[in-house]
C-alpha cells in the first residue's frame, strides 16, 4: 500500500491531478482545459491500474480506505517461508502458525520503546505476534517461579502475579494497549522425553488466560533450525552444538513457563550449555524473560527484523 502511494506521488499523473486542483482553487474549472475521464496516460509509472485520471483518483481513494495490514501479515508478505537455515518456518505442529528458527534470524522488534529489545517467537494463526524480551526484566532481580514451591501457574504462581501486576504496570500505556490476553499452554511435561509432539500435547493439556507469561520448553526447542540433531528435549541436552542453531539460547539461566511432572519443579534453560533442566520453583537464581502477544490490529510501519533495523510498530 505505502509503496503504491509513493510510486503514485512520483508519477506524472500526480502532477497532473495537483494542477487540476490548483485550477479549481483559483476558480478556474479544470474541465475548461481537460476532461479527466477522457485524458489517458501511461500507468506503468504510477503503479495503478487505471488509464484515465478519474479512474486513478478513485483507485487511490479506495486503496487508502483499505484497513491496516496486521503485523503478522506484514511479515508474511515481506519475507519468504523457508525450510533450511535461519528464518521463518511453518510450524509443523500447529497449522497456520509460523515460527522463527536458527541461531540469529531477523526477528528483532521494538516494543515498549525498547529498541530491538524483543524478538518474535511466532506469528499466530490469528496474525497476532508472540514476542519475547531479549534480556532479563531486571538484571538485579532473579525471581522464584513460585515462592510456595508449587508449579501451578494458575494458582497464581509468584511469577504470574509479578508479570501481570508489577511488570505489566511498568510498561508504557501504549505498550499495554498493544498487548492482548491469550490462552497459554501450562500443562506438565515429563523430562528427558524424545517425542516433541507428545510434549506439545502435554503442554496444551492445561490452559491459562492472561497477558504476560514465559516461553514454553517446546518453543525453545522449536526455535532451533537443526531439527535432526536438536529437535527434541533429549537431543537438545546431548548435543552441545545446539546452542549455535537456536536463537533463544542467550547463555543465561532463565525460567520457562512449563512445569514438570513433579508438583514442585519447573523447567529452566541452563547457562552456556543451552540444556533444559528442572529445579524447585522456589529457586531464585533464574532470569525472567517476559513473553506477550501483540494485537493483530497493531501495524508494522517499517524495519527488516535485524538488530540494527528491527521491526517497528505504530
Protein backbone atom coordinates (compact mmCIF):
# COMPACT_ATOMS: atom_id res chain seq x y z
CA UNK A 1 0.00 0.00 0.00
CA UNK A 2 2.68 2.54 1.01
CA UNK A 3 4.86 1.67 -1.98
CA UNK A 4 1.91 2.20 -4.30
CA UNK A 5 1.21 5.66 -2.84
CA UNK A 6 4.90 6.60 -3.02
CA UNK A 7 5.13 5.45 -6.62
CA UNK A 8 1.97 7.39 -7.46
CA UNK A 9 3.30 10.62 -5.89
CA UNK A 10 6.44 10.36 -8.02
CA UNK A 11 4.45 9.93 -11.23
CA UNK A 12 3.36 12.46 -13.85
CA UNK A 13 -0.27 11.68 -13.05
CA UNK A 14 0.16 13.11 -9.56
CA UNK A 15 1.42 16.38 -11.02
CA UNK A 16 -1.49 16.33 -13.43
CA UNK A 17 -4.05 15.99 -10.63
CA UNK A 18 -2.39 18.64 -8.46
CA UNK A 19 -2.52 21.03 -11.41
CA UNK A 20 -6.26 20.38 -11.75
CA UNK A 21 -6.77 21.05 -8.04
CA UNK A 22 -4.86 24.34 -8.28
CA UNK A 23 -7.10 25.39 -11.15
CA UNK A 24 -10.14 24.66 -9.02
CA UNK A 25 -8.72 26.58 -6.06
CA UNK A 26 -8.26 29.77 -8.09
CA UNK A 27 -11.75 29.47 -9.50
CA UNK A 28 -10.91 28.09 -12.90
CA UNK A 29 -12.70 24.88 -13.90
CA UNK A 30 -10.25 22.16 -14.77
CA UNK A 31 -12.87 20.84 -17.18
CA UNK A 32 -12.32 24.00 -19.23
CA UNK A 33 -8.94 22.63 -20.17
CA UNK A 34 -9.41 18.88 -19.99
CA UNK A 35 -11.99 16.27 -19.09
CA UNK A 36 -10.38 13.89 -16.61
CA UNK A 37 -12.33 10.86 -17.82
CA UNK A 38 -11.13 11.42 -21.37
CA UNK A 39 -7.46 12.02 -20.65
CA UNK A 40 -5.40 8.82 -20.85
CA UNK A 41 -1.85 8.22 -19.69
CA UNK A 42 0.80 5.55 -19.36
CA UNK A 43 0.09 3.97 -15.97
CA UNK A 44 3.31 1.94 -15.74
CA UNK A 45 4.97 4.77 -13.85
CA UNK A 46 2.23 5.35 -11.29
CA UNK A 47 1.78 1.76 -10.20
CA UNK A 48 -2.01 2.00 -10.59
CA UNK A 49 -4.31 0.06 -12.92
CA UNK A 50 -6.47 2.85 -14.35
CA UNK A 51 -5.56 4.64 -17.58
CA UNK A 52 -7.65 7.79 -17.02
CA UNK A 53 -7.47 10.49 -14.37
CA UNK A 54 -10.81 9.94 -12.66
CA UNK A 55 -10.29 6.18 -12.51
CA UNK A 56 -6.86 6.70 -10.96
CA UNK A 57 -8.29 9.04 -8.32
CA UNK A 58 -11.00 6.52 -7.44
CA UNK A 59 -8.49 3.70 -7.29
CA UNK A 60 -6.13 5.58 -4.99
CA UNK A 61 -9.02 6.66 -2.76
CA UNK A 62 -10.22 3.09 -2.37
CA UNK A 63 -6.69 1.88 -1.68
CA UNK A 64 -6.33 4.44 1.10
CA UNK A 65 -9.51 3.12 2.71
CA UNK A 66 -8.03 -0.40 2.95
CA UNK A 67 -7.62 -1.41 6.64
CA UNK A 68 -4.11 -1.53 8.11
CA UNK A 69 -2.25 -4.76 7.42
CA UNK A 70 -1.97 -6.84 10.61
CA UNK A 71 1.58 -7.11 11.92
CA UNK A 72 1.73 -10.82 11.19
CA UNK A 73 0.56 -10.38 7.62
CA UNK A 74 3.17 -7.67 7.05
CA UNK A 75 5.97 -10.08 7.91
CA UNK A 76 4.48 -12.90 5.86
CA UNK A 77 4.23 -10.59 2.85
CA UNK A 78 7.79 -9.33 3.14
CA UNK A 79 9.95 -12.35 3.97
CA UNK A 80 9.95 -15.85 2.48
CA UNK A 81 8.97 -19.05 4.27
CA UNK A 82 11.97 -21.40 4.32
CA UNK A 83 12.75 -24.98 5.26
CA UNK A 84 16.52 -24.78 5.81
CA UNK A 85 18.72 -22.27 7.65
CA UNK A 86 17.79 -19.16 9.64
CA UNK A 87 14.43 -17.54 9.11
CA UNK A 88 10.68 -18.03 9.15
CA UNK A 89 9.24 -21.57 9.06
CA UNK A 90 5.79 -23.07 9.09
CA UNK A 91 5.16 -24.63 12.48
CA UNK A 92 4.73 -28.32 11.70
CA UNK A 93 2.91 -28.86 14.99
CA UNK A 94 0.21 -26.19 14.60
CA UNK A 95 -1.49 -25.26 11.34
CA UNK A 96 -1.49 -21.61 10.31
CA UNK A 97 1.33 -20.74 12.72
CA UNK A 98 4.81 -19.55 11.69
CA UNK A 99 7.93 -19.56 13.85
CA UNK A 100 11.42 -18.12 13.66
CA UNK A 101 14.26 -20.65 13.74
CA UNK A 102 18.03 -20.51 13.68
CA UNK A 103 20.94 -19.04 15.57
CA UNK A 104 20.17 -15.43 14.66
CA UNK A 105 17.14 -14.96 12.38
CA UNK A 106 15.81 -11.50 11.55
CA UNK A 107 13.10 -11.43 14.21
CA UNK A 108 14.00 -8.34 16.23
CA UNK A 109 11.22 -5.92 17.10
CA UNK A 110 10.95 -2.68 19.03
CA UNK A 111 8.32 -2.78 21.77
CA UNK A 112 7.67 -0.57 24.81
CA UNK A 113 10.20 1.92 23.36
CA UNK A 114 12.93 -0.71 23.77
CA UNK A 115 14.89 -0.51 20.52
CA UNK A 116 15.36 -4.07 19.22
CA UNK A 117 14.71 -5.22 22.78
CA UNK A 118 12.37 -8.06 21.85
CA UNK A 119 12.31 -10.93 19.37
CA UNK A 120 9.39 -12.57 17.59
CA UNK A 121 8.71 -16.17 18.57
CA UNK A 122 5.79 -16.75 16.25
CA UNK A 123 3.08 -15.40 14.01
CA UNK A 124 -0.09 -16.97 15.36
CA UNK A 125 -2.98 -18.20 13.17
CA UNK A 126 -4.96 -15.06 14.06
CA UNK A 127 -1.96 -12.95 12.98
CA UNK A 128 -1.04 -11.81 16.47
CA UNK A 129 2.70 -11.73 17.15
CA UNK A 130 4.12 -13.62 20.10
CA UNK A 131 7.27 -11.83 21.22
CA UNK A 132 9.91 -12.41 23.89
CA UNK A 133 12.05 -9.90 25.76
CA UNK A 134 15.73 -10.45 24.97
CA UNK A 135 17.11 -9.69 28.42
CA UNK A 136 16.10 -10.33 31.99
CA UNK A 137 13.46 -7.84 33.16
CA UNK A 138 15.89 -6.57 35.78
CA UNK A 139 19.47 -7.80 35.97
CA UNK A 140 19.48 -7.11 39.72
CA UNK A 141 16.42 -9.30 40.34
CA UNK A 142 16.10 -13.04 39.76
CA UNK A 143 12.71 -14.23 40.92
CA UNK A 144 11.44 -17.59 42.07
CA UNK A 145 8.90 -19.25 39.75
CA UNK A 146 6.79 -19.66 42.87
CA UNK A 147 7.65 -18.85 46.47
CA UNK A 148 5.46 -21.65 47.83
CA UNK A 149 7.22 -24.35 45.79
CA UNK A 150 4.13 -25.05 43.66
CA UNK A 151 4.27 -25.37 39.87
CA UNK A 152 0.63 -24.44 39.29
CA UNK A 153 0.82 -21.25 37.21
CA UNK A 154 -2.90 -20.58 37.68
CA UNK A 155 -2.68 -20.67 41.49
CA UNK A 156 -1.35 -17.98 40.77
CA UNK A 157 2.40 -18.58 40.82
CA UNK A 158 4.68 -15.83 42.12
CA UNK A 159 5.92 -15.01 38.61
CA UNK A 160 2.37 -14.93 37.28
CA UNK A 161 1.42 -12.31 39.87
CA UNK A 162 4.58 -10.29 39.29
CA UNK A 163 4.46 -10.30 35.49
CA UNK A 164 0.76 -9.46 35.25
CA UNK A 165 0.94 -6.92 38.06
CA UNK A 166 4.16 -5.06 38.80
CA UNK A 167 5.80 -5.73 35.44
CA UNK A 168 2.71 -5.10 33.29
CA UNK A 169 2.03 -1.84 35.14
CA UNK A 170 5.60 -0.70 34.45
CA UNK A 171 5.01 -0.81 30.67
CA UNK A 172 4.02 2.32 28.79
CA UNK A 173 0.31 2.92 28.24
CA UNK A 174 0.88 2.45 24.52
CA UNK A 175 2.55 -0.94 25.10
CA UNK A 176 -0.30 -2.03 27.34
CA UNK A 177 -2.78 -1.08 24.62
CA UNK A 178 -0.91 -3.26 22.12
CA UNK A 179 -0.98 -6.40 24.30
CA UNK A 180 -3.86 -8.87 24.08
CA UNK A 181 -4.81 -11.57 26.57
CA UNK A 182 -4.50 -15.08 25.17
CA UNK A 183 -4.68 -18.72 26.24
CA UNK A 184 -1.25 -20.02 27.30
CA UNK A 185 -0.19 -23.67 27.46
CA UNK A 186 0.75 -24.57 31.04
CA UNK A 187 0.44 -28.36 31.08
CA UNK A 188 3.00 -30.50 32.90
CA UNK A 189 5.71 -32.22 30.85
CA UNK A 190 7.83 -35.28 31.62
CA UNK A 191 11.54 -34.53 31.43
CA UNK A 192 14.05 -36.31 29.16
CA UNK A 193 11.44 -37.22 26.55
CA UNK A 194 12.32 -37.77 22.90
CA UNK A 195 8.89 -37.09 21.42
CA UNK A 196 8.26 -33.41 20.81
CA UNK A 197 4.71 -33.91 19.53
CA UNK A 198 3.80 -35.70 22.75
CA UNK A 199 5.47 -32.98 24.80
CA UNK A 200 3.45 -30.29 23.00
CA UNK A 201 0.27 -32.24 23.66
CA UNK A 202 1.18 -32.33 27.34
CA UNK A 203 1.82 -28.59 27.38
CA UNK A 204 -1.54 -27.98 25.70
CA UNK A 205 -3.40 -30.16 28.22
CA UNK A 206 -3.89 -27.19 30.55
CA UNK A 207 -4.54 -23.54 29.70
CA UNK A 208 -4.40 -20.16 31.44
CA UNK A 209 -5.70 -16.90 30.02
CA UNK A 210 -3.66 -13.78 30.65
CA UNK A 211 -1.41 -11.08 29.21
CA UNK A 212 2.18 -11.81 30.27
CA UNK A 213 3.92 -15.15 30.74
CA UNK A 214 7.06 -17.01 29.57
CA UNK A 215 8.18 -19.19 26.68
CA UNK A 216 7.43 -22.90 26.92
CA UNK A 217 10.03 -25.65 26.68
CA UNK A 218 8.70 -26.76 23.28
CA UNK A 219 9.02 -23.20 21.93
CA UNK A 220 12.66 -23.22 22.99
CA UNK A 221 13.18 -26.48 21.09
CA UNK A 222 11.17 -25.37 18.05
CA UNK A 223 13.30 -22.22 17.73
CA UNK A 224 16.24 -24.45 16.75
CA UNK A 225 16.76 -24.88 13.00
CA UNK A 226 18.71 -28.15 13.37
CA UNK A 227 15.69 -30.37 13.93
CA UNK A 228 17.57 -33.59 13.15
CA UNK A 229 20.05 -33.09 15.98
CA UNK A 230 18.25 -30.66 18.28
CA UNK A 231 14.55 -31.24 17.64
CA UNK A 232 13.56 -32.92 20.93
CA UNK A 233 14.22 -32.49 24.63
CA UNK A 234 16.67 -35.40 24.74
CA UNK A 235 18.56 -34.38 21.58
CA UNK A 236 18.95 -30.78 22.79
CA UNK A 237 20.54 -31.99 26.01
CA UNK A 238 23.03 -34.45 24.49
CA UNK A 239 24.27 -32.22 21.65
CA UNK A 240 26.19 -29.20 22.91
CA UNK A 241 26.32 -27.64 19.42
CA UNK A 242 22.56 -26.99 19.63
CA UNK A 243 23.39 -23.64 21.25
CA UNK A 244 24.57 -22.43 17.84
CA UNK A 245 21.34 -23.09 15.96
CA UNK A 246 18.70 -21.78 18.36
CA UNK A 247 18.26 -18.03 18.93
CA UNK A 248 16.58 -18.35 22.34
CA UNK A 249 19.78 -19.58 23.98
CA UNK A 250 21.33 -16.45 25.48
CA UNK A 251 23.89 -18.26 27.69
CA UNK A 252 21.95 -17.43 30.81
CA UNK A 253 19.80 -19.25 33.35
CA UNK A 254 16.15 -18.44 32.67
CA UNK A 255 12.74 -19.79 33.59
CA UNK A 256 10.32 -21.31 31.10
CA UNK A 257 6.55 -21.44 31.59
CA UNK A 258 6.48 -25.24 31.62
CA UNK A 259 6.02 -27.19 34.87
CA UNK A 260 7.42 -30.70 35.19
CA UNK A 261 5.60 -33.87 36.17
CA UNK A 262 6.61 -33.36 39.78
CA UNK A 263 4.38 -30.84 41.54
CA UNK A 264 7.22 -28.62 42.81
CA UNK A 265 9.52 -28.32 39.76
CA UNK A 266 9.59 -26.18 36.64
CA UNK A 267 11.87 -26.17 33.61
CA UNK A 268 14.65 -23.67 33.02
CA UNK A 269 17.40 -23.19 30.43
CA UNK A 270 20.93 -23.84 31.64
CA UNK A 271 23.51 -21.11 31.05
CA UNK A 272 26.25 -21.68 28.45
CA UNK A 273 25.13 -25.23 27.62
CA UNK A 274 21.59 -24.40 26.49
CA UNK A 275 20.34 -27.58 28.12
CA UNK A 276 16.85 -27.97 29.56
CA UNK A 277 16.85 -28.68 33.29
CA UNK A 278 14.29 -28.75 36.09
CA UNK A 279 14.55 -27.25 39.54
CA UNK A 280 12.41 -26.35 42.51
CA UNK A 281 10.13 -23.41 41.72
CA UNK A 282 11.46 -21.72 44.87
CA UNK A 283 14.89 -21.33 43.25
CA UNK A 284 15.71 -17.65 42.72
CA UNK A 285 18.84 -17.56 40.55
CA UNK A 286 16.91 -17.70 37.26
CA UNK A 287 16.37 -14.83 34.84
CA UNK A 288 12.87 -13.83 33.73
CA UNK A 289 12.26 -13.06 30.05
CA UNK A 290 8.63 -11.94 29.60
CA UNK A 291 6.57 -13.05 26.62
CA UNK A 292 3.47 -11.23 25.33
CA UNK A 293 1.10 -11.26 22.35
CA UNK A 294 0.84 -8.13 20.19
CA UNK A 295 -2.66 -7.49 18.86
CA UNK A 296 -3.25 -8.27 15.18
CA UNK A 297 -4.68 -4.74 14.91
CA UNK A 298 -1.23 -3.27 15.50
CA UNK A 299 0.53 -2.34 12.27
CA UNK A 300 4.21 -2.71 11.46
CA UNK A 301 5.37 0.50 9.84
CA UNK A 302 8.94 -0.41 8.95
CA UNK A 303 12.07 -2.39 9.60
CA UNK A 304 13.59 -5.59 8.27
CA UNK A 305 13.90 -7.50 11.55
CA UNK A 306 17.67 -7.18 12.02
CA UNK A 307 19.10 -5.94 15.31
CA UNK A 308 20.19 -2.74 13.51
CA UNK A 309 16.83 -2.34 11.73
CA UNK A 310 14.18 -4.01 13.90
CA UNK A 311 10.52 -4.18 13.00
CA UNK A 312 8.78 -1.03 14.23
CA UNK A 313 5.12 -1.00 15.22
CA UNK A 314 2.80 2.00 15.15
